[in-house]
């Protein structure tokens, strides 16, 4: 009795997961076979080259491509830190007509929280500083740094008013002036 070619091979069944089955692991192509293409069963799965991107990304559920919920120009799309930066700029711009060119050498910055060296110098029970003023150095300009989180927590809904007071007080300390000289409306 003659056997058909390949009769001594184990039965080829498709694997639903697409991987190699335990009975196929380690089997090599036998002489006369051209690898998996000569074996009966499903064709090997094609893999996508990760370097090649499709020209159009598919939309699996027909809901459109993901994107921002609001257009970038709307105020709703601004983060809290971006809005706080705008409040600091407004407070400084309100002082420019009174101080003129005294503000030319002063930088304003916003940080989330005071650095460890500033908070380490505090005595227990002292409030966390809202801002710091640093005089000009040899290679650095004078600088006022406002700490966003403490100002937001202490200011509540009137954060813009508190911020204006903090900026005036820090500028007064930096320029050697009284806060009322910089902003006469400060006491009201």
N, C-alpha and C. Protein backbone atom coordinates (compact mmCIF):
# COMPACT_ATOMS: atom_id res chain seq x y z
N UNK A 1 0.84 -1.16 0.00
CA UNK A 1 0.00 0.00 0.00
C UNK A 1 0.89 1.23 0.00
N UNK A 2 0.59 2.18 -0.83
CA UNK A 2 1.40 3.39 -0.92
C UNK A 2 0.72 4.51 -0.14
N UNK A 3 1.54 5.28 0.45
CA UNK A 3 1.02 6.40 1.24
C UNK A 3 1.14 7.68 0.43
N UNK A 4 0.16 8.56 0.55
CA UNK A 4 0.27 9.84 -0.15
C UNK A 4 1.35 10.70 0.51
N UNK A 5 1.95 11.60 -0.27
CA UNK A 5 2.99 12.47 0.30
C UNK A 5 2.41 13.29 1.45
N UNK A 6 3.18 13.41 2.53
CA UNK A 6 2.77 14.21 3.67
C UNK A 6 1.83 13.49 4.61
N UNK A 7 1.59 12.17 4.41
CA UNK A 7 0.67 11.44 5.26
C UNK A 7 1.26 11.22 6.65
N UNK A 8 2.59 11.26 6.76
CA UNK A 8 3.19 11.03 8.06
C UNK A 8 3.25 12.32 8.90
N UNK A 9 2.77 13.46 8.36
CA UNK A 9 2.75 14.72 9.10
C UNK A 9 1.52 14.76 10.00
N UNK A 10 1.62 15.46 11.16
CA UNK A 10 0.43 15.58 12.00
C UNK A 10 -0.63 16.43 11.30
N UNK A 11 -1.86 16.22 11.71
CA UNK A 11 -2.98 16.93 11.07
C UNK A 11 -2.85 18.43 11.35
N UNK A 12 -3.04 19.27 10.32
CA UNK A 12 -2.95 20.71 10.45
C UNK A 12 -4.35 21.28 10.68
N UNK A 13 -4.54 21.85 11.84
CA UNK A 13 -5.80 22.53 12.14
C UNK A 13 -5.49 24.00 12.39
N UNK A 14 -6.35 24.90 11.92
CA UNK A 14 -6.08 26.33 12.15
C UNK A 14 -6.20 26.66 13.64
N UNK A 15 -5.32 27.50 14.10
CA UNK A 15 -5.35 27.95 15.49
C UNK A 15 -6.15 29.23 15.55
N UNK A 16 -7.22 29.29 16.36
CA UNK A 16 -8.03 30.49 16.39
C UNK A 16 -7.26 31.71 16.86
N UNK A 17 -6.24 31.56 17.68
CA UNK A 17 -5.47 32.71 18.17
C UNK A 17 -4.42 33.15 17.16
N UNK A 18 -4.15 32.38 16.17
CA UNK A 18 -3.20 32.74 15.12
C UNK A 18 -1.76 32.42 15.47
N UNK A 19 -1.47 31.91 16.64
CA UNK A 19 -0.11 31.58 17.04
C UNK A 19 0.21 30.13 16.74
N UNK A 20 1.37 29.71 17.13
CA UNK A 20 1.78 28.33 16.91
C UNK A 20 1.15 27.45 17.97
N UNK A 21 0.67 26.26 17.57
CA UNK A 21 0.12 25.31 18.52
C UNK A 21 1.25 24.47 19.09
N UNK A 22 1.03 23.88 20.26
CA UNK A 22 2.11 23.08 20.86
C UNK A 22 2.57 21.92 19.98
N UNK A 23 1.66 21.33 19.18
CA UNK A 23 2.10 20.21 18.34
C UNK A 23 2.90 20.69 17.12
N UNK A 24 2.94 22.04 16.87
CA UNK A 24 3.72 22.56 15.75
C UNK A 24 5.05 23.14 16.21
N UNK A 25 5.21 23.36 17.51
CA UNK A 25 6.42 24.01 18.00
C UNK A 25 7.63 23.13 17.72
N UNK A 26 8.65 23.71 17.21
CA UNK A 26 9.90 23.01 16.98
C UNK A 26 9.93 22.16 15.73
N UNK A 27 8.83 22.06 14.97
CA UNK A 27 8.85 21.26 13.75
C UNK A 27 9.54 22.03 12.64
N UNK A 28 10.39 21.38 11.94
CA UNK A 28 11.07 22.00 10.82
C UNK A 28 10.42 21.52 9.53
N UNK A 29 10.60 22.28 8.47
CA UNK A 29 10.06 21.87 7.18
C UNK A 29 10.82 20.64 6.72
N UNK A 30 10.10 19.67 6.21
CA UNK A 30 10.71 18.42 5.77
C UNK A 30 11.21 18.58 4.34
N UNK A 31 12.14 17.75 3.97
CA UNK A 31 12.63 17.84 2.60
C UNK A 31 11.47 17.69 1.61
N UNK A 32 11.48 18.52 0.61
CA UNK A 32 10.44 18.48 -0.41
C UNK A 32 9.31 19.45 -0.10
N UNK A 33 9.31 20.03 1.09
CA UNK A 33 8.27 20.99 1.42
C UNK A 33 8.89 22.38 1.39
N UNK A 34 8.11 23.36 1.01
CA UNK A 34 8.61 24.73 0.95
C UNK A 34 8.15 25.49 2.18
N UNK A 35 8.28 24.94 3.35
CA UNK A 35 7.90 25.62 4.58
C UNK A 35 6.41 25.51 4.79
N UNK A 36 5.83 26.51 5.43
CA UNK A 36 4.41 26.48 5.80
C UNK A 36 3.50 26.60 4.59
N UNK A 37 3.98 27.18 3.49
CA UNK A 37 3.12 27.37 2.32
C UNK A 37 2.76 26.03 1.69
N UNK A 38 3.62 25.02 1.86
CA UNK A 38 3.34 23.72 1.25
C UNK A 38 2.46 22.87 2.15
N UNK A 39 2.31 23.26 3.42
CA UNK A 39 1.50 22.48 4.34
C UNK A 39 0.04 22.85 4.15
N UNK A 40 -0.84 21.86 4.28
CA UNK A 40 -2.25 22.20 4.18
C UNK A 40 -2.66 23.04 5.39
N UNK A 41 -3.63 23.91 5.23
CA UNK A 41 -4.10 24.75 6.32
C UNK A 41 -4.16 26.20 5.88
N UNK A 42 -4.44 27.06 6.80
CA UNK A 42 -4.59 28.47 6.44
C UNK A 42 -3.24 29.10 6.12
N UNK A 43 -3.29 30.14 5.33
CA UNK A 43 -2.08 30.88 4.99
C UNK A 43 -1.61 31.64 6.23
N UNK A 44 -0.32 31.85 6.34
CA UNK A 44 0.17 32.58 7.52
C UNK A 44 -0.37 34.01 7.52
N UNK A 45 -0.59 34.54 8.72
CA UNK A 45 -1.12 35.89 8.85
C UNK A 45 -0.09 36.90 8.38
N UNK A 46 -0.56 37.92 7.68
CA UNK A 46 0.34 38.98 7.23
C UNK A 46 0.52 39.97 8.36
N UNK A 47 1.73 40.40 8.55
CA UNK A 47 1.98 41.39 9.58
C UNK A 47 2.22 42.74 8.93
N UNK A 48 1.78 43.79 9.61
CA UNK A 48 1.94 45.14 9.10
C UNK A 48 3.30 45.67 9.50
N UNK A 49 3.96 46.28 8.57
CA UNK A 49 5.26 46.88 8.83
C UNK A 49 5.03 48.11 9.71
N UNK A 50 5.60 48.16 10.95
CA UNK A 50 5.33 49.29 11.82
C UNK A 50 5.90 50.61 11.31
N UNK A 51 6.90 50.55 10.44
CA UNK A 51 7.47 51.78 9.90
C UNK A 51 6.55 52.41 8.86
N UNK A 52 5.69 51.64 8.27
CA UNK A 52 4.80 52.17 7.23
C UNK A 52 3.46 52.52 7.86
N UNK A 53 3.07 53.76 7.77
CA UNK A 53 1.80 54.21 8.33
C UNK A 53 0.75 54.20 7.24
N UNK A 54 -0.46 53.88 7.62
CA UNK A 54 -1.52 53.95 6.61
C UNK A 54 -1.80 55.40 6.25
N UNK A 55 -2.24 55.61 5.02
CA UNK A 55 -2.48 56.98 4.56
C UNK A 55 -3.70 57.58 5.23
N UNK A 56 -4.66 56.76 5.62
CA UNK A 56 -5.86 57.24 6.29
C UNK A 56 -6.06 56.38 7.53
N UNK A 57 -6.18 57.01 8.69
CA UNK A 57 -6.45 56.26 9.91
C UNK A 57 -7.91 55.87 9.91
N UNK A 58 -8.16 54.64 10.22
CA UNK A 58 -9.54 54.19 10.17
C UNK A 58 -10.27 54.62 11.42
N UNK A 59 -11.55 54.82 11.25
CA UNK A 59 -12.43 55.23 12.33
C UNK A 59 -13.29 54.03 12.65
N UNK A 60 -12.96 53.32 13.71
CA UNK A 60 -13.58 52.01 13.96
C UNK A 60 -15.07 52.06 14.21
N UNK A 61 -15.55 53.12 14.87
CA UNK A 61 -16.94 53.10 15.26
C UNK A 61 -17.78 54.18 14.58
N UNK A 62 -17.25 54.86 13.61
CA UNK A 62 -18.01 55.83 12.86
C UNK A 62 -18.32 57.11 13.61
N UNK A 63 -17.54 57.41 14.67
CA UNK A 63 -17.82 58.61 15.46
C UNK A 63 -16.89 59.75 15.13
N UNK A 64 -16.08 59.60 14.15
CA UNK A 64 -15.13 60.67 13.81
C UNK A 64 -13.84 60.50 14.59
N UNK A 65 -12.82 61.18 14.12
CA UNK A 65 -11.52 61.09 14.77
C UNK A 65 -11.53 61.88 16.06
N UNK A 66 -10.73 61.42 17.02
CA UNK A 66 -10.65 62.12 18.29
C UNK A 66 -9.93 63.44 18.11
N UNK A 67 -10.36 64.41 18.86
CA UNK A 67 -9.73 65.72 18.82
C UNK A 67 -10.13 66.51 20.04
N UNK A 68 -9.76 67.77 20.09
CA UNK A 68 -10.11 68.58 21.25
C UNK A 68 -11.62 68.78 21.34
N UNK A 69 -12.12 68.89 22.57
CA UNK A 69 -13.55 69.09 22.76
C UNK A 69 -13.98 70.50 22.43
N UNK A 70 -13.09 71.46 22.63
CA UNK A 70 -13.41 72.84 22.30
C UNK A 70 -12.31 73.41 21.43
N UNK A 71 -12.63 74.41 20.63
CA UNK A 71 -11.56 75.05 19.85
C UNK A 71 -10.55 75.72 20.78
N UNK A 72 -9.30 75.82 20.35
CA UNK A 72 -8.26 76.32 21.24
C UNK A 72 -8.43 77.76 21.69
N UNK A 73 -9.18 78.60 21.00
CA UNK A 73 -9.30 80.00 21.39
C UNK A 73 -10.29 80.26 22.51
N UNK A 74 -11.14 79.30 22.82
CA UNK A 74 -12.16 79.52 23.85
C UNK A 74 -11.55 79.45 25.25
N UNK A 75 -12.08 80.24 26.19
CA UNK A 75 -11.52 80.23 27.55
C UNK A 75 -11.63 78.88 28.24
N UNK A 76 -12.60 78.07 27.86
CA UNK A 76 -12.79 76.76 28.49
C UNK A 76 -11.60 75.84 28.20
N UNK A 77 -10.88 76.08 27.13
CA UNK A 77 -9.78 75.20 26.78
C UNK A 77 -8.47 75.60 27.47
N UNK A 78 -8.48 76.65 28.28
CA UNK A 78 -7.28 77.07 29.00
C UNK A 78 -7.20 76.34 30.34
N UNK A 79 -6.00 75.98 30.71
CA UNK A 79 -5.81 75.31 31.99
C UNK A 79 -5.80 76.33 33.11
N UNK A 80 -5.87 75.85 34.35
CA UNK A 80 -5.84 76.76 35.49
C UNK A 80 -4.52 77.50 35.56
N UNK A 81 -3.43 76.83 35.24
CA UNK A 81 -2.13 77.50 35.32
C UNK A 81 -2.01 78.57 34.23
N UNK A 82 -2.57 78.33 33.05
CA UNK A 82 -2.55 79.35 31.99
C UNK A 82 -3.40 80.55 32.38
N UNK A 83 -4.55 80.30 32.99
CA UNK A 83 -5.40 81.40 33.45
C UNK A 83 -4.71 82.19 34.56
N UNK A 84 -4.00 81.50 35.44
CA UNK A 84 -3.27 82.18 36.52
C UNK A 84 -2.16 83.05 35.93
N UNK A 85 -1.44 82.53 34.93
CA UNK A 85 -0.40 83.33 34.27
C UNK A 85 -1.00 84.61 33.69
N UNK A 86 -2.18 84.51 33.11
CA UNK A 86 -2.85 85.70 32.56
C UNK A 86 -3.18 86.70 33.66
N UNK A 87 -3.61 86.21 34.83
CA UNK A 87 -3.91 87.11 35.95
C UNK A 87 -2.66 87.84 36.43
N UNK A 88 -1.53 87.15 36.46
CA UNK A 88 -0.28 87.80 36.86
C UNK A 88 0.09 88.88 35.85
N UNK A 89 -0.04 88.58 34.57
CA UNK A 89 0.26 89.60 33.56
C UNK A 89 -0.66 90.80 33.67
N UNK A 90 -1.95 90.58 33.94
CA UNK A 90 -2.88 91.69 34.11
C UNK A 90 -2.51 92.55 35.32
N UNK A 91 -2.08 91.92 36.42
CA UNK A 91 -1.68 92.67 37.61
C UNK A 91 -0.46 93.53 37.33
N UNK A 92 0.49 92.99 36.57
CA UNK A 92 1.70 93.75 36.25
C UNK A 92 1.38 94.87 35.25
N UNK A 93 0.55 94.58 34.26
CA UNK A 93 0.19 95.60 33.27
C UNK A 93 -0.57 96.76 33.91
N UNK A 94 -1.32 96.49 34.97
CA UNK A 94 -2.04 97.56 35.67
C UNK A 94 -1.07 98.50 36.38
N UNK A 95 0.14 98.00 36.73
CA UNK A 95 1.12 98.83 37.42
C UNK A 95 2.07 99.57 36.49
N UNK A 96 2.11 99.17 35.23
CA UNK A 96 3.04 99.79 34.28
C UNK A 96 2.86 101.29 34.12
N UNK A 97 1.64 101.83 34.05
CA UNK A 97 1.51 103.29 33.90
C UNK A 97 2.09 104.05 35.10
N UNK A 98 2.01 103.50 36.30
CA UNK A 98 2.50 104.19 37.49
C UNK A 98 4.01 104.07 37.65
N UNK A 99 4.56 102.91 37.30
CA UNK A 99 5.98 102.66 37.55
C UNK A 99 6.86 102.92 36.34
N UNK A 100 6.29 102.90 35.15
CA UNK A 100 7.05 103.18 33.93
C UNK A 100 8.25 102.30 33.76
N UNK A 101 9.43 102.92 33.61
CA UNK A 101 10.63 102.16 33.29
C UNK A 101 11.28 101.52 34.52
N UNK A 102 10.72 101.67 35.70
CA UNK A 102 11.25 100.94 36.86
C UNK A 102 11.01 99.43 36.72
N UNK A 103 10.02 99.06 35.92
CA UNK A 103 9.72 97.64 35.71
C UNK A 103 10.58 97.01 34.61
N UNK A 104 11.38 97.82 33.92
CA UNK A 104 12.16 97.28 32.79
C UNK A 104 13.13 96.18 33.20
N UNK A 105 13.75 96.31 34.34
CA UNK A 105 14.74 95.32 34.75
C UNK A 105 14.18 94.21 35.63
N UNK A 106 12.86 94.10 35.72
CA UNK A 106 12.24 93.12 36.62
C UNK A 106 11.57 92.03 35.80
N UNK A 107 11.89 90.78 36.13
CA UNK A 107 11.22 89.63 35.51
C UNK A 107 10.14 89.13 36.45
N UNK A 108 9.06 88.62 35.88
CA UNK A 108 7.98 88.02 36.67
C UNK A 108 7.86 86.56 36.25
N UNK A 109 7.75 85.70 37.25
CA UNK A 109 7.64 84.27 36.98
C UNK A 109 6.57 83.67 37.88
N UNK A 110 6.06 82.52 37.45
CA UNK A 110 5.07 81.78 38.23
C UNK A 110 5.60 80.37 38.42
N UNK A 111 5.59 79.91 39.66
CA UNK A 111 5.92 78.52 39.98
C UNK A 111 4.74 77.94 40.73
N UNK A 112 4.61 76.62 40.69
CA UNK A 112 3.48 75.98 41.35
C UNK A 112 3.54 76.12 42.86
N UNK A 113 4.67 75.79 43.46
CA UNK A 113 4.81 75.85 44.92
C UNK A 113 6.18 76.44 45.24
N UNK A 114 6.35 76.95 46.46
CA UNK A 114 7.68 77.47 46.84
C UNK A 114 8.70 76.35 46.88
N UNK A 115 9.95 76.64 46.55
CA UNK A 115 10.98 75.61 46.62
C UNK A 115 11.27 75.22 48.07
N UNK A 116 11.93 74.11 48.24
CA UNK A 116 12.19 73.55 49.57
C UNK A 116 13.03 74.50 50.42
N UNK A 117 13.99 75.22 49.82
CA UNK A 117 14.83 76.10 50.63
C UNK A 117 14.02 77.27 51.21
N UNK A 118 12.98 77.70 50.52
CA UNK A 118 12.13 78.78 51.04
C UNK A 118 11.26 78.27 52.18
N UNK A 119 10.67 77.10 52.01
CA UNK A 119 9.79 76.56 53.04
C UNK A 119 10.57 76.01 54.24
N UNK A 120 11.83 75.62 54.05
CA UNK A 120 12.63 75.10 55.16
C UNK A 120 12.95 76.21 56.15
N UNK A 121 13.00 77.45 55.70
CA UNK A 121 13.33 78.57 56.59
C UNK A 121 12.13 79.03 57.42
N UNK A 122 10.96 78.47 57.17
CA UNK A 122 9.76 78.88 57.91
C UNK A 122 9.75 78.28 59.31
N UNK A 123 9.24 79.06 60.24
CA UNK A 123 9.03 78.58 61.60
C UNK A 123 7.66 77.90 61.62
N UNK A 124 7.50 76.79 62.35
CA UNK A 124 6.18 76.15 62.39
C UNK A 124 5.10 77.15 62.81
N UNK A 125 4.02 77.15 62.06
CA UNK A 125 2.93 78.08 62.30
C UNK A 125 2.94 79.26 61.34
N UNK A 126 4.08 79.52 60.69
CA UNK A 126 4.13 80.59 59.69
C UNK A 126 3.35 80.16 58.45
N UNK A 127 2.68 81.11 57.80
CA UNK A 127 1.98 80.74 56.56
C UNK A 127 2.97 80.50 55.42
N UNK A 128 2.54 79.72 54.48
CA UNK A 128 3.36 79.45 53.29
C UNK A 128 3.43 80.75 52.47
N UNK A 129 4.62 81.12 52.00
CA UNK A 129 4.72 82.38 51.25
C UNK A 129 3.95 82.31 49.93
N UNK A 130 3.38 83.43 49.55
CA UNK A 130 2.63 83.53 48.30
C UNK A 130 3.53 83.93 47.14
N UNK A 131 4.65 84.60 47.44
CA UNK A 131 5.57 85.07 46.40
C UNK A 131 6.92 85.33 47.05
N UNK A 132 7.92 85.52 46.21
CA UNK A 132 9.26 85.88 46.66
C UNK A 132 9.83 86.91 45.69
N UNK A 133 10.62 87.82 46.23
CA UNK A 133 11.30 88.82 45.41
C UNK A 133 12.79 88.59 45.53
N UNK A 134 13.47 88.55 44.40
CA UNK A 134 14.91 88.33 44.37
C UNK A 134 15.56 89.53 43.71
N UNK A 135 16.48 90.22 44.43
CA UNK A 135 17.14 91.39 43.82
C UNK A 135 18.06 90.98 42.68
N UNK A 136 18.41 91.96 41.88
CA UNK A 136 19.27 91.70 40.72
C UNK A 136 20.65 91.27 41.20
N UNK A 137 21.22 90.32 40.49
CA UNK A 137 22.57 89.85 40.78
C UNK A 137 23.52 90.34 39.69
N UNK A 138 24.71 89.78 39.68
CA UNK A 138 25.70 90.17 38.68
C UNK A 138 25.24 89.80 37.27
N UNK A 139 24.69 88.60 37.14
CA UNK A 139 24.28 88.15 35.81
C UNK A 139 22.78 87.87 35.71
N UNK A 140 22.05 88.13 36.80
CA UNK A 140 20.60 87.86 36.77
C UNK A 140 19.83 89.14 37.06
N UNK A 141 18.70 89.31 36.38
CA UNK A 141 17.88 90.50 36.65
C UNK A 141 17.07 90.32 37.92
N UNK A 142 16.50 91.41 38.41
CA UNK A 142 15.59 91.33 39.56
C UNK A 142 14.40 90.48 39.15
N UNK A 143 13.86 89.74 40.14
CA UNK A 143 12.83 88.77 39.78
C UNK A 143 11.78 88.67 40.88
N UNK A 144 10.52 88.62 40.45
CA UNK A 144 9.41 88.38 41.37
C UNK A 144 8.80 87.04 40.96
N UNK A 145 8.74 86.12 41.91
CA UNK A 145 8.18 84.79 41.64
C UNK A 145 6.91 84.64 42.46
N UNK A 146 5.80 84.35 41.79
CA UNK A 146 4.52 84.14 42.44
C UNK A 146 4.27 82.63 42.47
N UNK A 147 3.82 82.14 43.63
CA UNK A 147 3.56 80.71 43.80
C UNK A 147 2.07 80.45 43.61
N UNK A 148 1.74 79.76 42.56
CA UNK A 148 0.35 79.60 42.11
C UNK A 148 -0.53 78.87 43.13
N UNK A 149 -0.13 77.71 43.59
CA UNK A 149 -1.00 76.92 44.46
C UNK A 149 -1.34 77.63 45.77
N UNK A 150 -0.37 78.20 46.50
CA UNK A 150 -0.74 78.91 47.73
C UNK A 150 -1.68 80.10 47.48
N UNK A 151 -1.45 80.83 46.39
CA UNK A 151 -2.32 81.98 46.08
C UNK A 151 -3.73 81.50 45.76
N UNK A 152 -3.84 80.44 44.97
CA UNK A 152 -5.17 79.91 44.63
C UNK A 152 -5.91 79.40 45.87
N UNK A 153 -5.19 78.72 46.76
CA UNK A 153 -5.83 78.18 47.96
C UNK A 153 -6.25 79.28 48.93
N UNK A 154 -5.42 80.29 49.09
CA UNK A 154 -5.73 81.34 50.03
C UNK A 154 -6.69 82.38 49.43
N UNK A 155 -6.66 82.56 48.12
CA UNK A 155 -7.47 83.60 47.50
C UNK A 155 -8.91 83.21 47.26
N UNK A 156 -9.16 81.94 47.04
CA UNK A 156 -10.52 81.49 46.76
C UNK A 156 -11.07 82.17 45.51
N UNK A 157 -12.33 82.67 45.57
CA UNK A 157 -12.90 83.31 44.38
C UNK A 157 -12.29 84.69 44.08
N UNK A 158 -11.66 85.32 45.08
CA UNK A 158 -11.05 86.64 44.87
C UNK A 158 -9.56 86.52 44.59
N UNK A 159 -9.17 85.52 43.84
CA UNK A 159 -7.75 85.27 43.58
C UNK A 159 -7.12 86.44 42.81
N UNK A 160 -7.84 87.10 41.94
CA UNK A 160 -7.29 88.22 41.18
C UNK A 160 -6.96 89.39 42.10
N UNK A 161 -7.83 89.64 43.09
CA UNK A 161 -7.57 90.74 44.04
C UNK A 161 -6.36 90.42 44.91
N UNK A 162 -6.28 89.20 45.42
CA UNK A 162 -5.14 88.81 46.23
C UNK A 162 -3.85 88.86 45.42
N UNK A 163 -3.93 88.46 44.19
CA UNK A 163 -2.75 88.46 43.32
C UNK A 163 -2.24 89.87 43.09
N UNK A 164 -3.15 90.83 42.90
CA UNK A 164 -2.74 92.23 42.72
C UNK A 164 -2.02 92.74 43.96
N UNK A 165 -2.51 92.39 45.16
CA UNK A 165 -1.87 92.82 46.40
C UNK A 165 -0.50 92.17 46.54
N UNK A 166 -0.39 90.88 46.22
CA UNK A 166 0.88 90.16 46.34
C UNK A 166 1.93 90.77 45.40
N UNK A 167 1.55 91.05 44.17
CA UNK A 167 2.51 91.62 43.21
C UNK A 167 2.96 93.00 43.67
N UNK A 168 2.04 93.83 44.17
CA UNK A 168 2.41 95.17 44.64
C UNK A 168 3.36 95.07 45.83
N UNK A 169 3.07 94.19 46.78
CA UNK A 169 3.93 94.05 47.96
C UNK A 169 5.33 93.57 47.58
N UNK A 170 5.43 92.63 46.65
CA UNK A 170 6.74 92.13 46.26
C UNK A 170 7.54 93.18 45.48
N UNK A 171 6.85 93.93 44.63
CA UNK A 171 7.53 95.01 43.91
C UNK A 171 7.99 96.10 44.87
N UNK A 172 7.18 96.42 45.87
CA UNK A 172 7.57 97.43 46.85
C UNK A 172 8.82 96.99 47.60
N UNK A 173 8.88 95.73 48.00
CA UNK A 173 10.06 95.23 48.70
C UNK A 173 11.28 95.24 47.78
N UNK A 174 11.08 94.94 46.52
CA UNK A 174 12.19 94.87 45.56
C UNK A 174 12.71 96.26 45.22
N UNK A 175 11.80 97.23 45.08
CA UNK A 175 12.20 98.58 44.66
C UNK A 175 12.47 99.51 45.84
N UNK A 176 12.27 99.02 47.08
CA UNK A 176 12.53 99.85 48.25
C UNK A 176 11.48 100.94 48.43
N UNK A 177 10.26 100.66 48.12
CA UNK A 177 9.17 101.62 48.23
C UNK A 177 8.10 101.08 49.17
N UNK A 178 7.17 101.94 49.53
CA UNK A 178 6.00 101.52 50.29
C UNK A 178 4.95 101.00 49.31
N UNK A 179 4.17 99.97 49.68
CA UNK A 179 3.15 99.47 48.76
C UNK A 179 2.13 100.53 48.36
N UNK A 180 1.81 101.49 49.26
CA UNK A 180 0.85 102.54 48.94
C UNK A 180 1.40 103.52 47.90
N UNK A 181 2.74 103.63 47.80
CA UNK A 181 3.33 104.47 46.77
C UNK A 181 3.12 103.88 45.37
N UNK A 182 3.17 102.55 45.33
CA UNK A 182 2.99 101.87 44.04
C UNK A 182 1.52 101.84 43.65
N UNK A 183 0.65 101.52 44.60
CA UNK A 183 -0.78 101.44 44.32
C UNK A 183 -1.54 102.14 45.44
N UNK A 184 -1.96 103.41 45.21
CA UNK A 184 -2.67 104.13 46.27
C UNK A 184 -4.00 103.49 46.65
N UNK A 185 -4.59 102.68 45.76
CA UNK A 185 -5.87 102.03 46.06
C UNK A 185 -5.71 100.75 46.86
N UNK A 186 -4.49 100.45 47.29
CA UNK A 186 -4.23 99.17 47.96
C UNK A 186 -4.94 99.07 49.30
N UNK A 187 -5.04 100.14 50.04
CA UNK A 187 -5.64 100.10 51.37
C UNK A 187 -7.17 99.95 51.33
N UNK A 188 -7.78 100.19 50.23
CA UNK A 188 -9.26 100.15 50.14
C UNK A 188 -9.81 98.77 50.00
